[in-house]
Amino acid sequence: MHFKGSRHCGAIRLDVEGDLVEAMECDCSICRMAGFLHWIVDERQVAIHARLDSLATYRWGSGEARHYFCRFCGIAPLRRPRQAPERYCVNVRCFEDARTETLIITPYPGRNLM
């Protein structure tokens, strides 16, 4: 399937190919506070369309994970997880047509990995 996503302001858009069946809900402070619902995909499944000045990166703790967010509206569309930095975690809640109520949601103990 093909999923289209964007940030609130539209400065960043994503196109993601894949079968969205399951997502992870991490309990670390940033994911919990932001409401990020993770779908882990390979880099080749994602096309990122963004103005060059729209993406910002946030790192903390070990600095390995990269959290990309929009400089204009603050919405976080995707991340590079520290456990798999060659992949993306895409925020399912940013997709136009994703039905989160039909997904298998797996809890992820990110709070314990800090």
PDB file of N, CA and C in Angstrom:
ATOM      1  N   MET A   1       0.834  -1.185   0.000  1.00  0.00           N
ATOM      2  CA  MET A   1       0.000   0.000   0.000  1.00  0.00           C
ATOM      3  C   MET A   1       0.874   1.242   0.000  1.00  0.00           C
ATOM      4  N   HIS A   2       0.266   2.314  -0.402  1.00  0.00           N
ATOM      5  CA  HIS A   2       0.959   3.596  -0.462  1.00  0.00           C
ATOM      6  C   HIS A   2       0.286   4.548   0.525  1.00  0.00           C
ATOM      7  N   PHE A   3       1.089   5.142   1.395  1.00  0.00           N
ATOM      8  CA  PHE A   3       0.572   6.077   2.388  1.00  0.00           C
ATOM      9  C   PHE A   3       1.192   7.442   2.171  1.00  0.00           C
ATOM     10  N   LYS A   4       0.363   8.466   2.266  1.00  0.00           N
ATOM     11  CA  LYS A   4       0.822   9.846   2.162  1.00  0.00           C
ATOM     12  C   LYS A   4       0.654  10.492   3.530  1.00  0.00           C
ATOM     13  N   GLY A   5       1.694  11.219   3.914  1.00  0.00           N
ATOM     14  CA  GLY A   5       1.630  11.911   5.191  1.00  0.00           C
ATOM     15  C   GLY A   5       2.196  13.302   5.063  1.00  0.00           C
ATOM     16  N   SER A   6       1.881  14.120   6.041  1.00  0.00           N
ATOM     17  CA  SER A   6       2.420  15.465   6.059  1.00  0.00           C
ATOM     18  C   SER A   6       2.380  15.998   7.487  1.00  0.00           C
ATOM     19  N   ARG A   7       2.997  17.122   7.671  1.00  0.00           N
ATOM     20  CA  ARG A   7       2.947  17.803   8.951  1.00  0.00           C
ATOM     21  C   ARG A   7       1.758  18.731   8.943  1.00  0.00           C
ATOM     22  N   HIS A   8       1.471  19.300  10.045  1.00  0.00           N
ATOM     23  CA  HIS A   8       0.317  20.177  10.179  1.00  0.00           C
ATOM     24  C   HIS A   8       0.371  21.324   9.176  1.00  0.00           C
ATOM     25  N   CYS A   9       1.555  21.912   8.993  1.00  0.00           N
ATOM     26  CA  CYS A   9       1.701  23.059   8.101  1.00  0.00           C
ATOM     27  C   CYS A   9       1.911  22.660   6.643  1.00  0.00           C
ATOM     28  N   GLY A  10       2.224  21.397   6.371  1.00  0.00           N
ATOM     29  CA  GLY A  10       2.437  20.923   5.017  1.00  0.00           C
ATOM     30  C   GLY A  10       3.837  21.142   4.479  1.00  0.00           C
ATOM     31  N   ALA A  11       4.757  21.687   5.278  1.00  0.00           N
ATOM     32  CA  ALA A  11       6.121  21.949   4.808  1.00  0.00           C
ATOM     33  C   ALA A  11       6.897  20.667   4.552  1.00  0.00           C
ATOM     34  N   ILE A  12       6.514  19.582   5.203  1.00  0.00           N
ATOM     35  CA  ILE A  12       7.166  18.292   5.023  1.00  0.00           C
ATOM     36  C   ILE A  12       6.101  17.293   4.610  1.00  0.00           C
ATOM     37  N   ARG A  13       6.387  16.525   3.548  1.00  0.00           N
ATOM     38  CA  ARG A  13       5.470  15.475   3.116  1.00  0.00           C
ATOM     39  C   ARG A  13       6.231  14.171   3.016  1.00  0.00           C
ATOM     40  N   LEU A  14       5.543  13.073   3.265  1.00  0.00           N
ATOM     41  CA  LEU A  14       6.128  11.737   3.177  1.00  0.00           C
ATOM     42  C   LEU A  14       5.284  10.861   2.263  1.00  0.00           C
ATOM     43  N   ASP A  15       5.954   9.998   1.531  1.00  0.00           N
ATOM     44  CA  ASP A  15       5.311   8.916   0.796  1.00  0.00           C
ATOM     45  C   ASP A  15       5.961   7.641   1.297  1.00  0.00           C
ATOM     46  N   VAL A  16       5.156   6.693   1.775  1.00  0.00           N
ATOM     47  CA  VAL A  16       5.685   5.450   2.328  1.00  0.00           C
ATOM     48  C   VAL A  16       4.954   4.276   1.692  1.00  0.00           C
ATOM     49  N   GLU A  17       5.735   3.303   1.229  1.00  0.00           N
ATOM     50  CA  GLU A  17       5.195   2.075   0.646  1.00  0.00           C
ATOM     51  C   GLU A  17       5.345   0.947   1.663  1.00  0.00           C
ATOM     52  N   GLY A  18       4.310   0.140   1.831  1.00  0.00           N
ATOM     53  CA  GLY A  18       4.414  -1.007   2.715  1.00  0.00           C
ATOM     54  C   GLY A  18       3.065  -1.453   3.239  1.00  0.00           C
ATOM     55  N   ASP A  19       3.091  -2.549   3.972  1.00  0.00           N
ATOM     56  CA  ASP A  19       1.889  -3.089   4.586  1.00  0.00           C
ATOM     57  C   ASP A  19       1.835  -2.631   6.042  1.00  0.00           C
ATOM     58  N   LEU A  20       0.970  -1.705   6.305  1.00  0.00           N
ATOM     59  CA  LEU A  20       0.819  -1.162   7.651  1.00  0.00           C
ATOM     60  C   LEU A  20      -0.191  -2.010   8.413  1.00  0.00           C
ATOM     61  N   VAL A  21       0.327  -2.901   9.240  1.00  0.00           N
ATOM     62  CA  VAL A  21      -0.501  -3.813  10.025  1.00  0.00           C
ATOM     63  C   VAL A  21      -0.269  -3.592  11.507  1.00  0.00           C
ATOM     64  N   GLU A  22       0.971  -3.275  11.849  1.00  0.00           N
ATOM     65  CA  GLU A  22       1.368  -3.180  13.244  1.00  0.00           C
ATOM     66  C   GLU A  22       2.192  -1.917  13.472  1.00  0.00           C
ATOM     67  N   ALA A  23       2.048  -1.333  14.643  1.00  0.00           N
ATOM     68  CA  ALA A  23       2.827  -0.165  15.035  1.00  0.00           C
ATOM     69  C   ALA A  23       3.222  -0.329  16.501  1.00  0.00           C
ATOM     70  N   MET A  24       4.234   0.423  16.896  1.00  0.00           N
ATOM     71  CA  MET A  24       4.700   0.371  18.283  1.00  0.00           C
ATOM     72  C   MET A  24       4.386   1.681  18.982  1.00  0.00           C
ATOM     73  N   GLU A  25       4.012   1.556  20.238  1.00  0.00           N
ATOM     74  CA  GLU A  25       3.792   2.730  21.068  1.00  0.00           C
ATOM     75  C   GLU A  25       4.829   2.718  22.174  1.00  0.00           C
ATOM     76  N   CYS A  26       5.800   3.612  22.044  1.00  0.00           N
ATOM     77  CA  CYS A  26       6.921   3.686  22.979  1.00  0.00           C
ATOM     78  C   CYS A  26       6.509   4.504  24.201  1.00  0.00           C
ATOM     79  N   ASP A  27       6.999   4.092  25.366  1.00  0.00           N
ATOM     80  CA  ASP A  27       6.648   4.810  26.593  1.00  0.00           C
ATOM     81  C   ASP A  27       7.750   5.753  27.072  1.00  0.00           C
ATOM     82  N   CYS A  28       8.765   6.041  26.225  1.00  0.00           N
ATOM     83  CA  CYS A  28       9.776   7.021  26.641  1.00  0.00           C
ATOM     84  C   CYS A  28       9.113   8.403  26.685  1.00  0.00           C
ATOM     85  N   SER A  29       9.756   9.330  27.338  1.00  0.00           N
ATOM     86  CA  SER A  29       9.132  10.632  27.565  1.00  0.00           C
ATOM     87  C   SER A  29       8.802  11.379  26.272  1.00  0.00           C
ATOM     88  N   ILE A  30       9.694  11.398  25.299  1.00  0.00           N
ATOM     89  CA  ILE A  30       9.413  12.174  24.085  1.00  0.00           C
ATOM     90  C   ILE A  30       8.304  11.536  23.247  1.00  0.00           C
ATOM     91  N   CYS A  31       8.308  10.223  23.103  1.00  0.00           N
ATOM     92  CA  CYS A  31       7.262   9.554  22.317  1.00  0.00           C
ATOM     93  C   CYS A  31       5.899   9.669  22.990  1.00  0.00           C
ATOM     94  N   ARG A  32       5.894   9.486  24.297  1.00  0.00           N
ATOM     95  CA  ARG A  32       4.635   9.574  25.041  1.00  0.00           C
ATOM     96  C   ARG A  32       4.056  10.984  24.950  1.00  0.00           C
ATOM     97  N   MET A  33       4.895  11.987  25.169  1.00  0.00           N
ATOM     98  CA  MET A  33       4.413  13.373  25.151  1.00  0.00           C
ATOM     99  C   MET A  33       3.983  13.822  23.762  1.00  0.00           C
ATOM    100  N   ALA A  34       4.666  13.327  22.724  1.00  0.00           N
ATOM    101  CA  ALA A  34       4.356  13.736  21.352  1.00  0.00           C
ATOM    102  C   ALA A  34       3.268  12.882  20.701  1.00  0.00           C
ATOM    103  N   GLY A  35       2.923  11.741  21.315  1.00  0.00           N
ATOM    104  CA  GLY A  35       1.919  10.863  20.722  1.00  0.00           C
ATOM    105  C   GLY A  35       2.409  10.131  19.490  1.00  0.00           C
ATOM    106  N   PHE A  36       3.707   9.892  19.413  1.00  0.00           N
ATOM    107  CA  PHE A  36       4.322   9.248  18.248  1.00  0.00           C
ATOM    108  C   PHE A  36       3.938   7.770  18.224  1.00  0.00           C
ATOM    109  N   LEU A  37       3.425   7.301  17.118  1.00  0.00           N
ATOM    110  CA  LEU A  37       3.073   5.904  16.921  1.00  0.00           C
ATOM    111  C   LEU A  37       3.981   5.362  15.813  1.00  0.00           C
ATOM    112  N   HIS A  38       4.919   4.479  16.166  1.00  0.00           N
ATOM    113  CA  HIS A  38       6.018   4.055  15.298  1.00  0.00           C
ATOM    114  C   HIS A  38       5.646   2.941  14.327  1.00  0.00           C
ATOM    115  N   TRP A  39       5.944   3.177  13.066  1.00  0.00           N
ATOM    116  CA  TRP A  39       5.936   2.136  12.043  1.00  0.00           C
ATOM    117  C   TRP A  39       7.357   2.092  11.516  1.00  0.00           C
ATOM    118  N   ILE A  40       8.063   0.992  11.756  1.00  0.00           N
ATOM    119  CA  ILE A  40       9.460   0.878  11.344  1.00  0.00           C
ATOM    120  C   ILE A  40       9.521   0.361   9.914  1.00  0.00           C
ATOM    121  N   VAL A  41      10.202   1.124   9.070  1.00  0.00           N
ATOM    122  CA  VAL A  41      10.310   0.776   7.656  1.00  0.00           C
ATOM    123  C   VAL A  41      11.758   0.933   7.195  1.00  0.00           C
ATOM    124  N   ASP A  42      12.080   0.290   6.080  1.00  0.00           N
ATOM    125  CA  ASP A  42      13.396   0.453   5.481  1.00  0.00           C
ATOM    126  C   ASP A  42      13.483   1.810   4.802  1.00  0.00           C
ATOM    127  N   GLU A  43      14.683   2.296   4.716  1.00  0.00           N
ATOM    128  CA  GLU A  43      14.939   3.598   4.105  1.00  0.00           C
ATOM    129  C   GLU A  43      14.366   3.703   2.694  1.00  0.00           C
ATOM    130  N   ARG A  44      14.457   2.636   1.932  1.00  0.00           N
ATOM    131  CA  ARG A  44      13.991   2.668   0.534  1.00  0.00           C
ATOM    132  C   ARG A  44      12.465   2.741   0.408  1.00  0.00           C
ATOM    133  N   GLN A  45      11.744   2.532   1.496  1.00  0.00           N
ATOM    134  CA  GLN A  45      10.284   2.605   1.470  1.00  0.00           C
ATOM    135  C   GLN A  45       9.763   4.024   1.638  1.00  0.00           C
ATOM    136  N   VAL A  46      10.657   4.959   1.987  1.00  0.00           N
ATOM    137  CA  VAL A  46      10.237   6.314   2.341  1.00  0.00           C
ATOM    138  C   VAL A  46      10.781   7.325   1.339  1.00  0.00           C
ATOM    139  N   ALA A  47       9.912   8.199   0.872  1.00  0.00           N
ATOM    140  CA  ALA A  47      10.322   9.372   0.095  1.00  0.00           C
ATOM    141  C   ALA A  47       9.952  10.590   0.928  1.00  0.00           C
ATOM    142  N   ILE A  48      10.937  11.416   1.212  1.00  0.00           N
ATOM    143  CA  ILE A  48      10.728  12.606   2.032  1.00  0.00           C
ATOM    144  C   ILE A  48      10.762  13.826   1.118  1.00  0.00           C
ATOM    145  N   HIS A  49       9.726  14.621   1.184  1.00  0.00           N
ATOM    146  CA  HIS A  49       9.631  15.854   0.400  1.00  0.00           C
ATOM    147  C   HIS A  49       9.551  16.997   1.402  1.00  0.00           C
ATOM    148  N   ALA A  50      10.602  17.809   1.460  1.00  0.00           N
ATOM    149  CA  ALA A  50      10.631  18.881   2.453  1.00  0.00           C
ATOM    150  C   ALA A  50      11.387  20.079   1.918  1.00  0.00           C
ATOM    151  N   ARG A  51      10.982  21.247   2.350  1.00  0.00           N
ATOM    152  CA  ARG A  51      11.785  22.435   2.098  1.00  0.00           C
ATOM    153  C   ARG A  51      13.064  22.281   2.905  1.00  0.00           C
ATOM    154  N   LEU A  52      14.169  22.706   2.364  1.00  0.00           N
ATOM    155  CA  LEU A  52      15.453  22.520   3.027  1.00  0.00           C
ATOM    156  C   LEU A  52      15.507  23.141   4.410  1.00  0.00           C
ATOM    157  N   ASP A  53      14.790  24.217   4.634  1.00  0.00           N
ATOM    158  CA  ASP A  53      14.833  24.882   5.929  1.00  0.00           C
ATOM    159  C   ASP A  53      13.758  24.392   6.905  1.00  0.00           C
ATOM    160  N   SER A  54      13.007  23.356   6.538  1.00  0.00           N
ATOM    161  CA  SER A  54      11.877  22.947   7.378  1.00  0.00           C
ATOM    162  C   SER A  54      12.195  21.853   8.388  1.00  0.00           C
ATOM    163  N   LEU A  55      13.215  21.023   8.129  1.00  0.00           N
ATOM    164  CA  LEU A  55      13.528  19.928   9.048  1.00  0.00           C
ATOM    165  C   LEU A  55      14.557  20.333  10.098  1.00  0.00           C
ATOM    166  N   ALA A  56      14.282  19.958  11.316  1.00  0.00           N
ATOM    167  CA  ALA A  56      15.241  20.126  12.408  1.00  0.00           C
ATOM    168  C   ALA A  56      15.441  18.752  13.044  1.00  0.00           C
ATOM    169  N   THR A  57      16.560  18.573  13.720  1.00  0.00           N
ATOM    170  CA  THR A  57      16.883  17.300  14.359  1.00  0.00           C
ATOM    171  C   THR A  57      17.071  17.521  15.848  1.00  0.00           C
ATOM    172  N   TYR A  58      16.510  16.604  16.628  1.00  0.00           N
ATOM    173  CA  TYR A  58      16.673  16.638  18.077  1.00  0.00           C
ATOM    174  C   TYR A  58      17.318  15.332  18.513  1.00  0.00           C
ATOM    175  N   ARG A  59      18.345  15.435  19.348  1.00  0.00           N
ATOM    176  CA  ARG A  59      19.010  14.264  19.930  1.00  0.00           C
ATOM    177  C   ARG A  59      19.157  14.490  21.422  1.00  0.00           C
ATOM    178  N   TRP A  60      19.124  13.406  22.170  1.00  0.00           N
ATOM    179  CA  TRP A  60      19.388  13.500  23.604  1.00  0.00           C
ATOM    180  C   TRP A  60      19.939  12.177  24.083  1.00  0.00           C
ATOM    181  N   GLY A  61      20.303  12.102  25.347  1.00  0.00           N
ATOM    182  CA  GLY A  61      20.848  10.863  25.899  1.00  0.00           C
ATOM    183  C   GLY A  61      22.114  10.462  25.168  1.00  0.00           C
ATOM    184  N   SER A  62      22.113   9.281  24.585  1.00  0.00           N
ATOM    185  CA  SER A  62      23.286   8.772  23.869  1.00  0.00           C
ATOM    186  C   SER A  62      23.544   9.536  22.573  1.00  0.00           C
ATOM    187  N   GLY A  63      22.568  10.256  22.058  1.00  0.00           N
ATOM    188  CA  GLY A  63      22.718  11.001  20.810  1.00  0.00           C
ATOM    189  C   GLY A  63      22.599  10.155  19.564  1.00  0.00           C
ATOM    190  N   GLU A  64      22.359   8.866  19.729  1.00  0.00           N
ATOM    191  CA  GLU A  64      22.279   7.961  18.572  1.00  0.00           C
ATOM    192  C   GLU A  64      20.958   8.097  17.816  1.00  0.00           C
ATOM    193  N   ALA A  65      19.867   8.203  18.541  1.00  0.00           N
ATOM    194  CA  ALA A  65      18.564   8.340  17.878  1.00  0.00           C
ATOM    195  C   ALA A  65      18.429   9.765  17.341  1.00  0.00           C
ATOM    196  N   ARG A  66      17.841   9.878  16.167  1.00  0.00           N
ATOM    197  CA  ARG A  66      17.608  11.195  15.564  1.00  0.00           C
ATOM    198  C   ARG A  66      16.115  11.388  15.411  1.00  0.00           C
ATOM    199  N   HIS A  67      15.634  12.471  15.949  1.00  0.00           N
ATOM    200  CA  HIS A  67      14.214  12.796  15.913  1.00  0.00           C
ATOM    201  C   HIS A  67      14.042  14.015  15.010  1.00  0.00           C
ATOM    202  N   TYR A  68      13.401  13.805  13.869  1.00  0.00           N
ATOM    203  CA  TYR A  68      13.216  14.879  12.909  1.00  0.00           C
ATOM    204  C   TYR A  68      11.852  15.511  13.126  1.00  0.00           C
ATOM    205  N   PHE A  69      11.836  16.825  13.136  1.00  0.00           N
ATOM    206  CA  PHE A  69      10.574  17.529  13.314  1.00  0.00           C
ATOM    207  C   PHE A  69      10.552  18.773  12.443  1.00  0.00           C
ATOM    208  N   CYS A  70       9.365  19.301  12.267  1.00  0.00           N
ATOM    209  CA  CYS A  70       9.166  20.473  11.434  1.00  0.00           C
ATOM    210  C   CYS A  70       9.500  21.733  12.233  1.00  0.00           C
ATOM    211  N   ARG A  71      10.356  22.582  11.683  1.00  0.00           N
ATOM    212  CA  ARG A  71      10.725  23.839  12.347  1.00  0.00           C
ATOM    213  C   ARG A  71       9.543  24.809  12.431  1.00  0.00           C
ATOM    214  N   PHE A  72       8.542  24.630  11.589  1.00  0.00           N
ATOM    215  CA  PHE A  72       7.446  25.579  11.530  1.00  0.00           C
ATOM    216  C   PHE A  72       6.284  25.209  12.445  1.00  0.00           C
ATOM    217  N   CYS A  73       5.843  23.953  12.407  1.00  0.00           N
ATOM    218  CA  CYS A  73       4.684  23.570  13.224  1.00  0.00           C
ATOM    219  C   CYS A  73       5.040  22.641  14.386  1.00  0.00           C
ATOM    220  N   GLY A  74       6.264  22.093  14.391  1.00  0.00           N
ATOM    221  CA  GLY A  74       6.719  21.264  15.503  1.00  0.00           C
ATOM    222  C   GLY A  74       6.347  19.791  15.434  1.00  0.00           C
ATOM    223  N   ILE A  75       5.597  19.381  14.431  1.00  0.00           N
ATOM    224  CA  ILE A  75       5.174  17.988  14.329  1.00  0.00           C
ATOM    225  C   ILE A  75       6.358  17.105  13.932  1.00  0.00           C
ATOM    226  N   ALA A  76       6.455  15.926  14.580  1.00  0.00           N
ATOM    227  CA  ALA A  76       7.553  14.980  14.311  1.00  0.00           C
ATOM    228  C   ALA A  76       7.066  13.894  13.364  1.00  0.00           C
ATOM    229  N   PRO A  77       7.525  13.904  12.111  1.00  0.00           N
ATOM    230  CA  PRO A  77       7.061  12.914  11.145  1.00  0.00           C
ATOM    231  C   PRO A  77       7.825  11.603  11.174  1.00  0.00           C
ATOM    232  N   LEU A  78       9.122  11.648  11.525  1.00  0.00           N
ATOM    233  CA  LEU A  78       9.903  10.415  11.485  1.00  0.00           C
ATOM    234  C   LEU A  78      11.140  10.521  12.355  1.00  0.00           C
ATOM    235  N   ARG A  79      11.700   9.350  12.605  1.00  0.00           N
ATOM    236  CA  ARG A  79      12.876   9.225  13.462  1.00  0.00           C
ATOM    237  C   ARG A  79      13.802   8.163  12.914  1.00  0.00           C
ATOM    238  N   ARG A  80      15.044   8.259  13.326  1.00  0.00           N
ATOM    239  CA  ARG A  80      16.031   7.198  13.101  1.00  0.00           C
ATOM    240  C   ARG A  80      16.268   6.579  14.469  1.00  0.00           C
ATOM    241  N   PRO A  81      15.826   5.342  14.684  1.00  0.00           N
ATOM    242  CA  PRO A  81      15.975   4.745  16.018  1.00  0.00           C
ATOM    243  C   PRO A  81      17.423   4.343  16.298  1.00  0.00           C
ATOM    244  N   ARG A  82      17.818   4.416  17.541  1.00  0.00           N
ATOM    245  CA  ARG A  82      19.205   4.053  17.867  1.00  0.00           C
ATOM    246  C   ARG A  82      19.455   2.561  17.698  1.00  0.00           C
ATOM    247  N   GLN A  83      18.426   1.720  17.840  1.00  0.00           N
ATOM    248  CA  GLN A  83      18.594   0.276  17.674  1.00  0.00           C
ATOM    249  C   GLN A  83      18.736  -0.125  16.210  1.00  0.00           C
ATOM    250  N   ALA A  84      18.269   0.707  15.293  1.00  0.00           N
ATOM    251  CA  ALA A  84      18.336   0.399  13.858  1.00  0.00           C
ATOM    252  C   ALA A  84      18.478   1.711  13.081  1.00  0.00           C
ATOM    253  N   PRO A  85      19.633   2.367  13.149  1.00  0.00           N
ATOM    254  CA  PRO A  85      19.785   3.693  12.532  1.00  0.00           C
ATOM    255  C   PRO A  85      19.703   3.698  11.006  1.00  0.00           C
ATOM    256  N   GLU A  86      19.712   2.544  10.387  1.00  0.00           N
ATOM    257  CA  GLU A  86      19.569   2.474   8.932  1.00  0.00           C
ATOM    258  C   GLU A  86      18.103   2.455   8.505  1.00  0.00           C
ATOM    259  N   ARG A  87      17.198   2.433   9.462  1.00  0.00           N
ATOM    260  CA  ARG A  87      15.756   2.391   9.190  1.00  0.00           C
ATOM    261  C   ARG A  87      15.111   3.687   9.663  1.00  0.00           C
ATOM    262  N   TYR A  88      13.844   3.841   9.337  1.00  0.00           N
ATOM    263  CA  TYR A  88      13.057   4.967   9.827  1.00  0.00           C
ATOM    264  C   TYR A  88      11.914   4.457  10.688  1.00  0.00           C
ATOM    265  N   CYS A  89      11.577   5.216  11.687  1.00  0.00           N
ATOM    266  CA  CYS A  89      10.303   5.077  12.396  1.00  0.00           C
ATOM    267  C   CYS A  89       9.442   6.212  11.871  1.00  0.00           C
ATOM    268  N   VAL A  90       8.365   5.863  11.214  1.00  0.00           N
ATOM    269  CA  VAL A  90       7.462   6.858  10.658  1.00  0.00           C
ATOM    270  C   VAL A  90       6.287   7.010  11.611  1.00  0.00           C
ATOM    271  N   ASN A  91       5.862   8.238  11.844  1.00  0.00           N
ATOM    272  CA  ASN A  91       4.742   8.499  12.742  1.00  0.00           C
ATOM    273  C   ASN A  91       3.429   8.228  12.009  1.00  0.00           C
ATOM    274  N   VAL A  92       2.798   7.130  12.356  1.00  0.00           N
ATOM    275  CA  VAL A  92       1.547   6.711  11.697  1.00  0.00           C
ATOM    276  C   VAL A  92       0.475   7.783  11.824  1.00  0.00           C
ATOM    277  N   ARG A  93       0.500   8.527  12.902  1.00  0.00           N
ATOM    278  CA  ARG A  93      -0.529   9.547  13.117  1.00  0.00           C
ATOM    279  C   ARG A  93      -0.415  10.718  12.148  1.00  0.00           C
ATOM    280  N   CYS A  94       0.631  10.761  11.337  1.00  0.00           N
ATOM    281  CA  CYS A  94       0.798  11.803  10.325  1.00  0.00           C
ATOM    282  C   CYS A  94       0.224  11.411   8.964  1.00  0.00           C
ATOM    283  N   PHE A  95      -0.212  10.160   8.801  1.00  0.00           N
ATOM    284  CA  PHE A  95      -0.759   9.730   7.519  1.00  0.00           C
ATOM    285  C   PHE A  95      -2.190  10.208   7.349  1.00  0.00           C
ATOM    286  N   GLU A  96      -2.512  10.565   6.123  1.00  0.00           N
ATOM    287  CA  GLU A  96      -3.858  11.046   5.815  1.00  0.00           C
ATOM    288  C   GLU A  96      -4.919   9.978   6.022  1.00  0.00           C
ATOM    289  N   ASP A  97      -4.638   8.737   5.574  1.00  0.00           N
ATOM    290  CA  ASP A  97      -5.671   7.708   5.550  1.00  0.00           C
ATOM    291  C   ASP A  97      -5.423   6.526   6.478  1.00  0.00           C
ATOM    292  N   ALA A  98      -4.459   6.620   7.364  1.00  0.00           N
ATOM    293  CA  ALA A  98      -4.183   5.488   8.255  1.00  0.00           C
ATOM    294  C   ALA A  98      -5.287   5.368   9.301  1.00  0.00           C
ATOM    295  N   ARG A  99      -5.759   4.153   9.485  1.00  0.00           N
ATOM    296  CA  ARG A  99      -6.805   3.875  10.472  1.00  0.00           C
ATOM    297  C   ARG A  99      -6.135   3.204  11.666  1.00  0.00           C
ATOM    298  N   THR A 100      -5.780   3.976  12.665  1.00  0.00           N
ATOM    299  CA  THR A 100      -5.040   3.435  13.802  1.00  0.00           C
ATOM    300  C   THR A 100      -5.853   2.433  14.601  1.00  0.00           C
ATOM    301  N   GLU A 101      -7.166   2.526  14.555  1.00  0.00           N
ATOM    302  CA  GLU A 101      -7.989   1.592  15.326  1.00  0.00           C
ATOM    303  C   GLU A 101      -7.943   0.172  14.771  1.00  0.00           C
ATOM    304  N   THR A 102      -7.471   0.001  13.555  1.00  0.00           N
ATOM    305  CA  THR A 102      -7.385  -1.340  12.973  1.00  0.00           C
ATOM    306  C   THR A 102      -5.991  -1.956  13.132  1.00  0.00           C
ATOM    307  N   LEU A 103      -5.038  -1.201  13.668  1.00  0.00           N
ATOM    308  CA  LEU A 103      -3.661  -1.680  13.802  1.00  0.00           C
ATOM    309  C   LEU A 103      -3.463  -2.526  15.056  1.00  0.00           C
ATOM    310  N   ILE A 104      -2.508  -3.418  14.971  1.00  0.00           N
ATOM    311  CA  ILE A 104      -2.015  -4.116  16.161  1.00  0.00           C
ATOM    312  C   ILE A 104      -1.000  -3.169  16.790  1.00  0.00           C
ATOM    313  N   ILE A 105      -1.274  -2.726  17.998  1.00  0.00           N
ATOM    314  CA  ILE A 105      -0.384  -1.789  18.693  1.00  0.00           C
ATOM    315  C   ILE A 105       0.422  -2.560  19.732  1.00  0.00           C
ATOM    316  N   THR A 106       1.737  -2.545  19.570  1.00  0.00           N
ATOM    317  CA  THR A 106       2.635  -3.245  20.484  1.00  0.00           C
ATOM    318  C   THR A 106       3.317  -2.233  21.386  1.00  0.00           C
ATOM    319  N   PRO A 107       3.210  -2.392  22.702  1.00  0.00           N
ATOM    320  CA  PRO A 107       3.935  -1.487  23.605  1.00  0.00           C
ATOM    321  C   PRO A 107       5.440  -1.703  23.483  1.00  0.00           C
ATOM    322  N   TYR A 108       6.194  -0.617  23.584  1.00  0.00           N
ATOM    323  CA  TYR A 108       7.650  -0.688  23.531  1.00  0.00           C
ATOM    324  C   TYR A 108       8.216  -0.016  24.781  1.00  0.00           C
ATOM    325  N   PRO A 109       9.061  -0.706  25.532  1.00  0.00           N
ATOM    326  CA  PRO A 109       9.546  -0.165  26.818  1.00  0.00           C
ATOM    327  C   PRO A 109      10.734   0.791  26.658  1.00  0.00           C
ATOM    328  N   GLY A 110      10.565   1.867  25.916  1.00  0.00           N
ATOM    329  CA  GLY A 110      11.637   2.822  25.697  1.00  0.00           C
ATOM    330  C   GLY A 110      12.106   3.518  26.957  1.00  0.00           C
ATOM    331  N   ARG A 111      11.215   3.692  27.911  1.00  0.00           N
ATOM    332  CA  ARG A 111      11.578   4.342  29.176  1.00  0.00           C
ATOM    333  C   ARG A 111      12.681   3.561  29.880  1.00  0.00           C
ATOM    334  N   ASN A 112      12.658   2.245  29.741  1.00  0.00           N
ATOM    335  CA  ASN A 112      13.657   1.400  30.409  1.00  0.00           C
ATOM    336  C   ASN A 112      14.994   1.375  29.674  1.00  0.00           C
ATOM    337  N   LEU A 113      15.053   1.921  28.480  1.00  0.00           N
ATOM    338  CA  LEU A 113      16.288   1.889  27.694  1.00  0.00           C
ATOM    339  C   LEU A 113      17.109   3.166  27.812  1.00  0.00           C
ATOM    340  N   MET A 114      16.653   4.100  28.570  1.00  0.00           N
ATOM    341  CA  MET A 114      17.354   5.379  28.718  1.00  0.00           C
ATOM    342  C   MET A 114      18.619   5.203  29.533  1.00  0.00           C
TER     343      MET A 114
END
